[in-house]
C-alpha atoms as a PDB file:
ATOM      1  CA  MET A   1     124.893  52.600 -22.674  1.00  0.00           C
ATOM      2  CA  GLU A   2     126.034  55.940 -23.446  1.00  0.00           C
ATOM      3  CA  GLN A   3     126.233  56.657 -19.873  1.00  0.00           C
ATOM      4  CA  ALA A   4     128.533  53.796 -19.197  1.00  0.00           C
ATOM      5  CA  LYS A   5     130.695  54.510 -22.036  1.00  0.00           C
ATOM      6  CA  GLY A   6     130.983  58.232 -20.710  1.00  0.00           C
ATOM      7  CA  ARG A   7     131.999  57.195 -17.498  1.00  0.00           C
ATOM      8  CA  LEU A   8     134.412  54.450 -18.330  1.00  0.00           C
ATOM      9  CA  ALA A   9     136.083  56.977 -20.969  1.00  0.00           C
ATOM     10  CA  GLU A  10     136.300  59.487 -18.177  1.00  0.00           C
ATOM     11  CA  ARG A  11     137.531  57.166 -15.423  1.00  0.00           C
ATOM     12  CA  GLN A  12     140.210  55.566 -17.674  1.00  0.00           C
ATOM     13  CA  SER A  13     140.910  58.601 -20.106  1.00  0.00           C
ATOM     14  CA  VAL A  14     139.982  57.083 -23.273  1.00  0.00           C
ATOM     15  CA  ASP A  15     137.984  57.713 -26.031  1.00  0.00           C
ATOM     16  CA  MET A  16     134.147  56.762 -26.213  1.00  0.00           C
ATOM     17  CA  GLU A  17     134.916  54.047 -28.981  1.00  0.00           C
ATOM     18  CA  ARG A  18     137.465  52.358 -26.897  1.00  0.00           C
ATOM     19  CA  ALA A  19     135.311  52.401 -23.871  1.00  0.00           C
ATOM     20  CA  PHE A  20     132.608  51.023 -26.023  1.00  0.00           C
ATOM     21  CA  THR A  21     134.791  48.079 -27.253  1.00  0.00           C
ATOM     22  CA  ALA A  22     136.003  47.341 -23.691  1.00  0.00           C
ATOM     23  CA  LEU A  23     132.488  47.044 -22.324  1.00  0.00           C
ATOM     24  CA  ARG A  24     131.349  44.829 -25.265  1.00  0.00           C
ATOM     25  CA  GLY A  25     134.600  42.855 -24.918  1.00  0.00           C
ATOM     26  CA  TYR A  26     133.701  42.320 -21.044  1.00  0.00           C
ATOM     27  CA  ALA A  27     130.210  41.291 -22.050  1.00  0.00           C
ATOM     28  CA  ARG A  28     131.314  38.909 -24.432  1.00  0.00           C
ATOM     29  CA  ALA A  29     133.904  37.414 -22.575  1.00  0.00           C
ATOM     30  CA  HIS A  30     131.695  36.551 -19.329  1.00  0.00           C
ATOM     31  CA  ASN A  31     128.866  35.648 -21.675  1.00  0.00           C
ATOM     32  CA  ARG A  32     126.618  38.449 -20.470  1.00  0.00           C
ATOM     33  CA  ARG A  33     124.396  41.098 -22.286  1.00  0.00           C
ATOM     34  CA  LEU A  34     126.041  44.238 -22.916  1.00  0.00           C
ATOM     35  CA  SER A  35     122.880  46.273 -21.377  1.00  0.00           C
ATOM     36  CA  ASP A  36     123.525  44.247 -18.096  1.00  0.00           C
ATOM     37  CA  VAL A  37     126.974  45.047 -18.000  1.00  0.00           C
ATOM     38  CA  ALA A  38     126.614  48.653 -18.914  1.00  0.00           C
ATOM     39  CA  ARG A  39     123.903  48.744 -16.001  1.00  0.00           C
ATOM     40  CA  ALA A  40     125.883  47.030 -13.304  1.00  0.00           C
ATOM     41  CA  PHE A  41     128.709  49.495 -14.153  1.00  0.00           C
ATOM     42  CA  ILE A  42     126.588  52.680 -13.872  1.00  0.00           C
ATOM     43  CA  ASP A  43     124.852  51.272 -10.738  1.00  0.00           C
ATOM     44  CA  ASP A  44     128.203  50.231  -9.386  1.00  0.00           C
ATOM     45  CA  SER A  45     125.840  47.266  -8.131  1.00  0.00           C
ATOM     46  CA  GLU A  46     128.472  44.471  -8.554  1.00  0.00           C
ATOM     47  CA  PRO A  47     132.295  44.299  -9.417  1.00  0.00           C
ATOM     48  CA  LEU A  48     133.110  43.948 -12.794  1.00  0.00           C
ATOM     49  CA  PRO A  49     137.193  42.588 -12.584  1.00  0.00           C
ATOM     50  CA  GLY A  50     138.976  43.150 -15.605  1.00  0.00           C
ATOM     51  CA  LEU A  51     137.187  45.978 -17.144  1.00  0.00           C
ATOM     52  CA  VAL A  52     139.638  48.033 -18.688  1.00  0.00           C
ATOM     53  CA  ALA A  53     139.558  50.099 -21.646  1.00  0.00           C
END
């Protein structure tokens, strides 16, 4: 999770809290577990359209 937050924060030039909020919001909006979204983001194993901090 920390790695996903850091990567998103760096890519979008936001703080860690905002990155976490974006990941959590994406997971909730798509009815997915936060850990699965974070793993997909880190692995770049699937597109995550709309994941914006």
